[in-house]
């Protein structure tokens, strides 16, 4: 015998198509597509390339989700067809067949049946007749009685109980008696609503990706693409624009004429205890009383972050014998790598500040942070000199630092460096001793 229950294989009510929710895998895939495409746009260069890449990411994720929803609808349609085919194979009576009445058997028949009772069986599928609520069971909870002989395969139940099954004599089908639960009709679909939701979802994913990319760029100090393209942060105004071709050309010209530039070999210590060392060629004295020096960080370098976090730094003079080490310490190591260790330079403890000094440097200034001044894409760092150290071997007979013993390096344009070279000496002319021959 086969049994047909509402909602089972024989149920002919409408099948509601499955809906595809936003699973974590789908959201992660959309975010990855947005970040990747935005990076490709940034690598192409220019704000237009970045925006175009981001827009392409939104379109790709929207189309992908639409295809996903369409596949769900096709799957639902195939399942509905299989259900209907299975219902036809089990031999369900046609919907138009009228109900069957089973009366008492003729005289002499040995088939047991219900005496004085009529059993109505309706065909499977939706009942076209109006439904009514089931009546409550009798108050006395007494069992239902049936007059006459009862078929052992037949069970009669109260109207409010769960539907059971009855097998009429000579039939090979088990039919559910009682009121079948109503199946709510499927609501008409609105495809445009789904696509609006898809577009909104793609937009949200795009914005999340842009925030993530901007955060990465701010943390690394460079575009996500690693090339010369415009970063996402520049497009949305969350990051200062980097030099364009014209600005870069002017920067090269500027550093080629502002020469020679002394080098501040800045030592600092991070909050986690990593000692950093980096050369900065924008360096000079900012104030005499109190003694203040300044160096400029182009972009957000480790030196700037460490000084702002800890409030202390050292400036070691970069001497000619350490030329290669000075240049190597300018490599963009990750923040958790110490240039002292990577380059092989010995440290020596400072007297007044925490960051160490370069032991091989002939002169070092120990400084405490005063303030910073942001100018475009650069930050000027001011530090008060609290202690100065000069090797005795670098002092002349008057007790002053000797330039020949210090042998400082200097930066020129492009990849050019310079040493002190020929030293000229001349006395400044006071006004009262003006000779007057310069105008003749």
Protein backbone atom coordinates (compact mmCIF):
# COMPACT_ATOMS: atom_id res chain seq x y z
CA UNK A 1 0.00 0.00 0.00
CA UNK A 2 1.11 3.53 -0.63
CA UNK A 3 0.22 6.38 1.62
CA UNK A 4 -0.48 9.92 0.45
CA UNK A 5 -0.03 12.73 2.97
CA UNK A 6 -0.39 16.45 2.44
CA UNK A 7 2.99 17.84 1.57
CA UNK A 8 4.34 14.42 0.51
CA UNK A 9 4.97 13.12 -2.98
CA UNK A 10 1.29 13.09 -3.78
CA UNK A 11 0.67 16.63 -2.67
CA UNK A 12 -0.38 18.75 -5.62
CA UNK A 13 -0.27 22.15 -3.91
CA UNK A 14 2.02 24.84 -5.19
CA UNK A 15 5.72 24.39 -4.44
CA UNK A 16 7.31 27.56 -3.17
CA UNK A 17 10.64 28.16 -4.89
CA UNK A 18 13.70 28.13 -2.71
CA UNK A 19 15.23 31.44 -1.92
CA UNK A 20 18.97 31.99 -1.82
CA UNK A 21 19.99 33.84 1.30
CA UNK A 22 23.29 35.64 1.71
CA UNK A 23 25.56 32.90 3.03
CA UNK A 24 29.03 33.79 4.42
CA UNK A 25 30.61 32.11 1.39
CA UNK A 26 28.68 34.34 -1.02
CA UNK A 27 29.51 37.52 0.92
CA UNK A 28 33.19 36.55 1.11
CA UNK A 29 33.24 35.85 -2.62
CA UNK A 30 31.68 39.21 -3.40
CA UNK A 31 34.14 41.05 -1.15
CA UNK A 32 37.09 39.23 -2.72
CA UNK A 33 35.87 40.12 -6.21
CA UNK A 34 35.49 43.78 -5.23
CA UNK A 35 38.94 44.00 -3.62
CA UNK A 36 40.67 42.19 -6.49
CA UNK A 37 39.02 44.27 -9.19
CA UNK A 38 39.70 47.49 -7.30
CA UNK A 39 43.36 46.49 -7.03
CA UNK A 40 43.51 45.84 -10.77
CA UNK A 41 41.97 49.25 -11.39
CA UNK A 42 44.54 50.87 -9.11
CA UNK A 43 47.37 49.11 -10.95
CA UNK A 44 46.16 50.56 -14.22
CA UNK A 45 46.78 54.01 -12.76
CA UNK A 46 44.66 57.06 -12.21
CA UNK A 47 41.51 57.66 -10.24
CA UNK A 48 39.43 56.73 -13.27
CA UNK A 49 41.01 53.28 -13.39
CA UNK A 50 40.27 52.66 -9.72
CA UNK A 51 36.65 53.78 -9.97
CA UNK A 52 36.17 51.75 -13.15
CA UNK A 53 37.59 48.68 -11.46
CA UNK A 54 35.34 49.13 -8.45
CA UNK A 55 32.28 49.59 -10.65
CA UNK A 56 33.20 46.45 -12.58
CA UNK A 57 33.39 44.58 -9.27
CA UNK A 58 29.85 45.67 -8.38
CA UNK A 59 28.54 44.58 -11.78
CA UNK A 60 30.30 41.20 -11.56
CA UNK A 61 28.94 40.45 -8.09
CA UNK A 62 25.42 41.51 -9.11
CA UNK A 63 25.40 39.32 -12.21
CA UNK A 64 26.85 36.41 -10.25
CA UNK A 65 24.13 36.64 -7.64
CA UNK A 66 21.45 36.89 -10.33
CA UNK A 67 22.77 33.72 -11.97
CA UNK A 68 22.77 32.04 -8.57
CA UNK A 69 19.12 32.99 -7.97
CA UNK A 70 18.16 31.77 -11.45
CA UNK A 71 19.79 28.40 -10.78
CA UNK A 72 17.72 28.08 -7.61
CA UNK A 73 14.54 28.74 -9.58
CA UNK A 74 15.45 26.11 -12.19
CA UNK A 75 16.20 23.58 -9.47
CA UNK A 76 12.83 24.29 -7.85
CA UNK A 77 11.08 23.85 -11.21
CA UNK A 78 12.76 20.47 -11.77
CA UNK A 79 11.78 19.29 -8.30
CA UNK A 80 8.18 20.37 -8.90
CA UNK A 81 8.10 18.39 -12.16
CA UNK A 82 9.45 15.28 -10.44
CA UNK A 83 6.82 15.54 -7.71
CA UNK A 84 4.02 15.79 -10.26
CA UNK A 85 5.43 12.85 -12.24
CA UNK A 86 5.64 10.71 -9.13
CA UNK A 87 2.05 11.55 -8.25
CA UNK A 88 0.93 10.41 -11.68
CA UNK A 89 2.86 7.12 -11.34
CA UNK A 90 1.30 6.14 -8.00
CA UNK A 91 -2.14 6.16 -9.66
CA UNK A 92 -3.82 9.08 -7.90
CA UNK A 93 -7.41 9.49 -9.14
CA UNK A 94 -8.08 12.46 -11.38
CA UNK A 95 -9.20 15.65 -9.69
CA UNK A 96 -12.55 15.70 -11.57
CA UNK A 97 -13.66 12.26 -10.36
CA UNK A 98 -16.62 12.59 -7.96
CA UNK A 99 -16.44 11.20 -4.45
CA UNK A 100 -17.04 7.44 -4.11
CA UNK A 101 -19.77 6.08 -1.86
CA UNK A 102 -19.54 2.62 -0.30
CA UNK A 103 -22.94 1.29 0.75
CA UNK A 104 -23.76 -1.93 2.53
CA UNK A 105 -22.69 -5.06 0.58
CA UNK A 106 -25.29 -7.25 -1.07
CA UNK A 107 -26.79 -10.14 0.79
CA UNK A 108 -24.49 -13.10 1.18
CA UNK A 109 -21.34 -11.07 0.84
CA UNK A 110 -18.61 -11.94 3.31
CA UNK A 111 -16.80 -8.60 3.04
CA UNK A 112 -17.04 -6.69 6.31
CA UNK A 113 -17.97 -3.05 6.08
CA UNK A 114 -19.59 -0.27 8.07
CA UNK A 115 -23.29 -0.89 8.64
CA UNK A 116 -25.48 2.15 8.35
CA UNK A 117 -22.49 4.38 7.68
CA UNK A 118 -21.26 5.99 4.52
CA UNK A 119 -17.53 6.45 3.91
CA UNK A 120 -16.60 9.31 1.59
CA UNK A 121 -13.24 9.28 -0.14
CA UNK A 122 -12.04 12.32 -2.00
CA UNK A 123 -9.42 12.27 -4.72
CA UNK A 124 -5.90 13.37 -3.88
CA UNK A 125 -4.89 16.93 -4.56
CA UNK A 126 -6.40 20.26 -3.55
CA UNK A 127 -10.01 20.06 -2.46
CA UNK A 128 -12.09 22.47 -4.59
CA UNK A 129 -14.82 22.61 -1.98
CA UNK A 130 -14.83 25.32 0.66
CA UNK A 131 -13.26 24.17 3.89
CA UNK A 132 -14.61 24.51 7.38
CA UNK A 133 -12.88 24.41 10.69
CA UNK A 134 -12.95 21.02 12.43
CA UNK A 135 -15.46 20.62 15.22
CA UNK A 136 -14.12 20.14 18.73
CA UNK A 137 -14.25 16.63 20.22
CA UNK A 138 -17.15 15.66 22.49
CA UNK A 139 -16.99 17.12 25.98
CA UNK A 140 -17.19 13.71 27.63
CA UNK A 141 -14.15 12.46 25.63
CA UNK A 142 -16.05 9.24 24.97
CA UNK A 143 -14.75 7.06 22.12
CA UNK A 144 -16.51 7.15 18.79
CA UNK A 145 -18.90 4.27 18.34
CA UNK A 146 -19.76 2.56 15.07
CA UNK A 147 -22.79 0.34 14.61
CA UNK A 148 -22.27 -2.92 12.83
CA UNK A 149 -19.21 -4.90 11.87
CA UNK A 150 -16.05 -2.89 11.31
CA UNK A 151 -13.34 -3.63 8.79
CA UNK A 152 -10.13 -4.33 10.75
CA UNK A 153 -8.19 -2.05 8.39
CA UNK A 154 -10.62 0.82 9.05
CA UNK A 155 -10.17 3.36 11.85
CA UNK A 156 -12.68 6.09 12.57
CA UNK A 157 -11.44 9.15 14.42
CA UNK A 158 -12.76 12.37 15.84
CA UNK A 159 -12.96 15.32 13.52
CA UNK A 160 -10.36 17.31 15.48
CA UNK A 161 -7.76 14.53 15.60
CA UNK A 162 -4.84 13.94 13.28
CA UNK A 163 -5.97 12.40 9.95
CA UNK A 164 -5.64 8.59 9.83
CA UNK A 165 -6.02 6.09 7.03
CA UNK A 166 -8.73 3.67 5.97
CA UNK A 167 -8.60 0.88 3.41
CA UNK A 168 -11.92 0.04 1.74
CA UNK A 169 -12.60 -3.53 0.77
CA UNK A 170 -11.07 -4.51 -2.54
CA UNK A 171 -8.91 -1.40 -2.78
CA UNK A 172 -5.15 -1.30 -2.84
CA UNK A 173 -4.83 2.36 -1.92
CA UNK A 174 -4.74 3.85 1.54
CA UNK A 175 -6.74 7.07 1.60
CA UNK A 176 -6.41 9.78 4.24
CA UNK A 177 -9.67 10.67 5.90
CA UNK A 178 -10.29 13.94 7.68
CA UNK A 179 -9.65 17.53 6.81
CA UNK A 180 -6.32 18.07 5.09
CA UNK A 181 -4.38 21.16 6.15
CA UNK A 182 -4.71 24.10 3.83
CA UNK A 183 -1.73 24.98 1.70
CA UNK A 184 -1.28 28.74 1.37
CA UNK A 185 -1.15 29.86 -2.22
CA UNK A 186 2.19 31.02 -3.50
CA UNK A 187 2.52 34.76 -3.58
CA UNK A 188 3.20 36.26 -6.97
CA UNK A 189 6.90 36.96 -7.43
CA UNK A 190 8.36 40.39 -8.07
CA UNK A 191 11.66 39.90 -9.92
CA UNK A 192 12.46 43.60 -9.87
CA UNK A 193 12.53 43.59 -6.09
CA UNK A 194 15.09 40.83 -6.04
CA UNK A 195 17.35 42.66 -8.46
CA UNK A 196 17.06 45.85 -6.41
CA UNK A 197 18.19 43.86 -3.37
CA UNK A 198 21.05 42.38 -5.39
CA UNK A 199 22.25 45.80 -6.52
CA UNK A 200 22.00 47.15 -2.96
CA UNK A 201 23.95 44.15 -1.66
CA UNK A 202 26.67 44.64 -4.27
CA UNK A 203 26.88 48.31 -3.29
CA UNK A 204 27.28 47.48 0.40
CA UNK A 205 29.95 44.88 -0.38
CA UNK A 206 31.73 47.42 -2.57
CA UNK A 207 31.77 50.01 0.23
CA UNK A 208 33.03 47.44 2.74
CA UNK A 209 35.79 46.46 0.33
CA UNK A 210 36.78 50.08 -0.20
CA UNK A 211 37.03 50.66 3.56
CA UNK A 212 39.17 47.52 3.89
CA UNK A 213 41.46 48.56 1.02
CA UNK A 214 41.82 52.08 2.42
CA UNK A 215 42.74 50.65 5.83
CA UNK A 216 45.38 48.41 4.27
CA UNK A 217 46.81 51.35 2.34
CA UNK A 218 46.99 53.50 5.47
CA UNK A 219 48.69 50.69 7.39
CA UNK A 220 51.25 49.93 4.67
CA UNK A 221 51.75 53.50 3.47
CA UNK A 222 51.40 52.50 -0.18
CA UNK A 223 48.68 51.57 -2.68
CA UNK A 224 47.27 48.04 -2.50
CA UNK A 225 48.54 47.39 -6.03
CA UNK A 226 52.11 48.15 -4.96
CA UNK A 227 52.66 50.05 -8.20
CA UNK A 228 52.44 53.64 -9.29
CA UNK A 229 48.67 53.76 -9.70
CA UNK A 230 46.28 55.90 -7.73
CA UNK A 231 45.27 54.37 -4.42
CA UNK A 232 41.65 53.84 -3.43
CA UNK A 233 42.14 56.11 -0.44
CA UNK A 234 43.10 58.97 -2.75
CA UNK A 235 39.91 58.52 -4.78
CA UNK A 236 37.67 58.76 -1.70
CA UNK A 237 39.70 61.47 0.00
CA UNK A 238 40.77 59.32 2.98
CA UNK A 239 44.41 59.48 1.97
CA UNK A 240 46.60 62.30 0.72
CA UNK A 241 47.28 62.13 -3.00
CA UNK A 242 50.71 60.89 -3.93
CA UNK A 243 52.88 62.78 -6.40
CA UNK A 244 51.69 62.57 -9.97
CA UNK A 245 54.12 62.47 -12.87
CA UNK A 246 54.47 66.25 -12.96
CA UNK A 247 54.85 66.53 -9.17
CA UNK A 248 57.33 63.66 -9.17
CA UNK A 249 59.41 65.34 -11.83
CA UNK A 250 59.45 68.57 -9.84
CA UNK A 251 60.42 66.61 -6.68
CA UNK A 252 63.46 65.21 -8.50
CA UNK A 253 64.43 68.67 -9.66
CA UNK A 254 63.93 70.14 -6.16
CA UNK A 255 66.10 67.55 -4.43
CA UNK A 256 68.77 67.98 -7.10
CA UNK A 257 69.16 71.72 -6.44
CA UNK A 258 68.69 71.75 -2.66
CA UNK A 259 72.10 70.16 -2.03
CA UNK A 260 73.98 68.97 -0.17
CA UNK A 261 71.48 67.82 2.43
CA UNK A 262 72.72 66.52 5.80
CA UNK A 263 71.37 63.14 6.90
CA UNK A 264 69.55 62.49 10.14
CA UNK A 265 70.13 58.83 11.00
CA UNK A 266 67.03 58.55 13.21
CA UNK A 267 66.87 55.83 15.82
CA UNK A 268 63.54 55.04 17.48
CA UNK A 269 61.88 52.25 19.44
CA UNK A 270 58.37 50.95 18.82
CA UNK A 271 55.81 50.31 21.54
CA UNK A 272 56.58 46.60 21.22
CA UNK A 273 60.31 47.19 21.77
CA UNK A 274 61.62 46.95 18.17
CA UNK A 275 64.55 49.31 17.52
CA UNK A 276 64.21 51.15 14.21
CA UNK A 277 66.91 53.03 12.28
CA UNK A 278 66.32 55.06 9.11
CA UNK A 279 68.09 57.89 7.21
CA UNK A 280 66.18 61.13 6.55
CA UNK A 281 67.81 63.72 4.27
CA UNK A 282 65.35 66.53 5.09
CA UNK A 283 67.11 67.49 8.30
CA UNK A 284 68.32 70.67 9.98
CA UNK A 285 68.37 72.78 13.14
CA UNK A 286 64.97 74.33 13.92
CA UNK A 287 65.74 76.37 17.02
CA UNK A 288 68.78 77.40 19.10
CA UNK A 289 67.21 78.21 22.45
CA UNK A 290 65.84 75.78 23.35
CA UNK A 291 67.91 73.53 21.07
CA UNK A 292 65.49 71.87 18.64
CA UNK A 293 66.21 69.84 15.51
CA UNK A 294 63.78 68.71 12.85
CA UNK A 295 63.50 65.97 10.27
CA UNK A 296 60.79 65.34 7.68
CA UNK A 297 59.01 62.05 7.07
CA UNK A 298 57.69 61.83 3.50
CA UNK A 299 54.66 59.61 4.00
CA UNK A 300 53.97 57.69 7.19
CA UNK A 301 57.22 55.91 8.02
CA UNK A 302 58.12 53.73 11.01
CA UNK A 303 60.21 56.56 12.46
CA UNK A 304 57.22 58.89 12.55
CA UNK A 305 54.90 56.30 14.11
CA UNK A 306 57.44 55.33 16.77
CA UNK A 307 58.30 58.91 17.74
CA UNK A 308 54.65 59.88 18.06
CA UNK A 309 53.96 56.74 20.12
CA UNK A 310 56.94 56.88 22.51
CA UNK A 311 57.97 60.56 22.41
CA UNK A 312 61.73 59.97 22.03
CA UNK A 313 64.36 59.47 19.32
CA UNK A 314 68.05 59.79 18.56
CA UNK A 315 69.88 61.38 15.62
CA UNK A 316 73.20 59.70 14.84
CA UNK A 317 75.59 61.37 12.41
CA UNK A 318 75.99 59.29 9.23
CA UNK A 319 79.77 59.07 8.65
CA UNK A 320 81.51 58.20 5.40
CA UNK A 321 82.96 54.87 6.66
CA UNK A 322 79.39 53.60 7.19
CA UNK A 323 78.16 54.66 3.73
CA UNK A 324 76.80 51.24 2.73
CA UNK A 325 75.14 50.64 6.09
CA UNK A 326 73.45 54.05 5.97
CA UNK A 327 72.02 53.29 2.55
CA UNK A 328 70.96 49.74 3.56
CA UNK A 329 69.11 51.03 6.61
CA UNK A 330 66.78 52.88 4.22
CA UNK A 331 65.30 49.56 3.00
CA UNK A 332 61.57 49.28 3.64
CA UNK A 333 61.73 46.47 6.19
CA UNK A 334 58.50 45.49 7.97
CA UNK A 335 57.85 47.22 11.31
CA UNK A 336 58.79 44.12 13.32
CA UNK A 337 62.32 44.04 11.84
CA UNK A 338 65.13 46.04 13.43
CA UNK A 339 67.46 47.73 10.99
CA UNK A 340 70.23 47.51 13.60
CA UNK A 341 70.09 43.72 13.34
CA UNK A 342 69.39 43.53 9.59
CA UNK A 343 72.32 45.80 8.69
CA UNK A 344 74.64 44.52 11.43
CA UNK A 345 75.16 47.72 13.40
CA UNK A 346 76.05 47.68 17.07
CA UNK A 347 73.85 49.59 19.50
CA UNK A 348 74.88 51.54 22.55
CA UNK A 349 72.44 52.71 25.24
CA UNK A 350 71.46 56.34 25.35
CA UNK A 351 71.83 58.41 28.51
CA UNK A 352 68.54 60.35 28.59
CA UNK A 353 66.18 58.54 26.19
CA UNK A 354 65.13 54.95 25.51
CA UNK A 355 66.03 54.54 21.79
CA UNK A 356 69.65 53.37 21.31
CA UNK A 357 72.48 55.14 19.54
CA UNK A 358 74.65 53.85 16.68
CA UNK A 359 77.84 52.87 18.48
CA UNK A 360 80.07 53.57 15.45
CA UNK A 361 78.69 57.08 14.87
CA UNK A 362 81.08 59.87 15.99
CA UNK A 363 78.24 62.15 17.17
CA UNK A 364 74.70 61.55 18.43
CA UNK A 365 71.85 63.82 19.59
CA UNK A 366 69.34 62.47 22.10
CA UNK A 367 65.94 64.12 21.58
CA UNK A 368 62.49 64.29 23.11
CA UNK A 369 59.47 64.80 20.88
CA UNK A 370 58.04 68.34 20.78
CA UNK A 371 55.45 68.37 18.00
CA UNK A 372 54.72 67.52 14.38
CA UNK A 373 53.65 69.70 11.49
CA UNK A 374 51.75 68.11 8.60
CA UNK A 375 52.33 69.64 5.17
CA UNK A 376 50.67 67.84 2.27
CA UNK A 377 52.06 64.32 2.08
CA UNK A 378 54.89 65.02 4.53
CA UNK A 379 55.23 65.46 8.29
CA UNK A 380 57.90 67.58 9.98
CA UNK A 381 58.99 66.18 13.35
CA UNK A 382 60.47 68.53 15.96
CA UNK A 383 62.58 67.22 18.84
CA UNK A 384 64.34 69.00 21.68
CA UNK A 385 67.95 67.98 22.16
CA UNK A 386 68.36 66.84 25.78
CA UNK A 387 71.83 65.36 25.42
CA UNK A 388 74.65 65.43 22.84
CA UNK A 389 77.52 62.97 22.53
CA UNK A 390 80.73 63.48 20.47
CA UNK A 391 83.68 61.11 20.38
CA UNK A 392 86.82 62.62 21.86
CA UNK A 393 88.67 61.51 18.73
CA UNK A 394 86.41 63.79 16.69
CA UNK A 395 87.30 66.95 18.68
CA UNK A 396 89.93 69.48 17.64
CA UNK A 397 92.44 71.19 19.91
CA UNK A 398 89.80 73.77 20.91
CA UNK A 399 87.38 71.03 22.02
CA UNK A 400 85.08 71.50 19.05
CA UNK A 401 83.95 68.80 16.62
CA UNK A 402 86.37 68.60 13.69
CA UNK A 403 84.67 68.25 10.33
CA UNK A 404 87.42 66.02 8.95
CA UNK A 405 87.03 63.61 11.86
CA UNK A 406 83.26 63.59 11.61
CA UNK A 407 83.36 62.91 7.82
CA UNK A 408 79.59 63.34 7.40
CA UNK A 409 77.73 62.04 4.36
CA UNK A 410 75.24 64.21 2.46
CA UNK A 411 72.50 63.55 -0.08
CA UNK A 412 72.35 65.06 -3.53
CA UNK A 413 69.87 64.51 -6.36
CA UNK A 414 68.69 61.13 -7.65
CA UNK A 415 70.94 58.36 -6.25
CA UNK A 416 73.90 60.67 -5.70
CA UNK A 417 75.68 61.10 -2.37
CA UNK A 418 78.59 63.30 -1.36
CA UNK A 419 81.34 63.48 1.23
CA UNK A 420 82.65 66.61 2.84
CA UNK A 421 85.31 67.14 0.13
CA UNK A 422 87.31 70.32 0.14
CA UNK A 423 86.72 72.55 3.17
CA UNK A 424 86.85 76.32 2.79
CA UNK A 425 87.18 78.70 5.73
CA UNK A 426 86.31 82.41 5.86
CA UNK A 427 85.23 84.88 8.54
CA UNK A 428 81.82 86.51 8.42
CA UNK A 429 82.05 90.24 7.71
CA UNK A 430 80.41 92.53 10.31
CA UNK A 431 78.62 95.64 9.08
CA UNK A 432 80.93 97.99 10.88
CA UNK A 433 83.87 96.40 9.12
CA UNK A 434 82.28 96.35 5.68
CA UNK A 435 85.13 96.83 3.19
CA UNK A 436 82.98 98.31 0.42
CA UNK A 437 84.86 96.78 -2.50
CA UNK A 438 82.04 94.34 -3.46
CA UNK A 439 80.00 97.07 -5.16
CA UNK A 440 82.90 98.49 -7.18
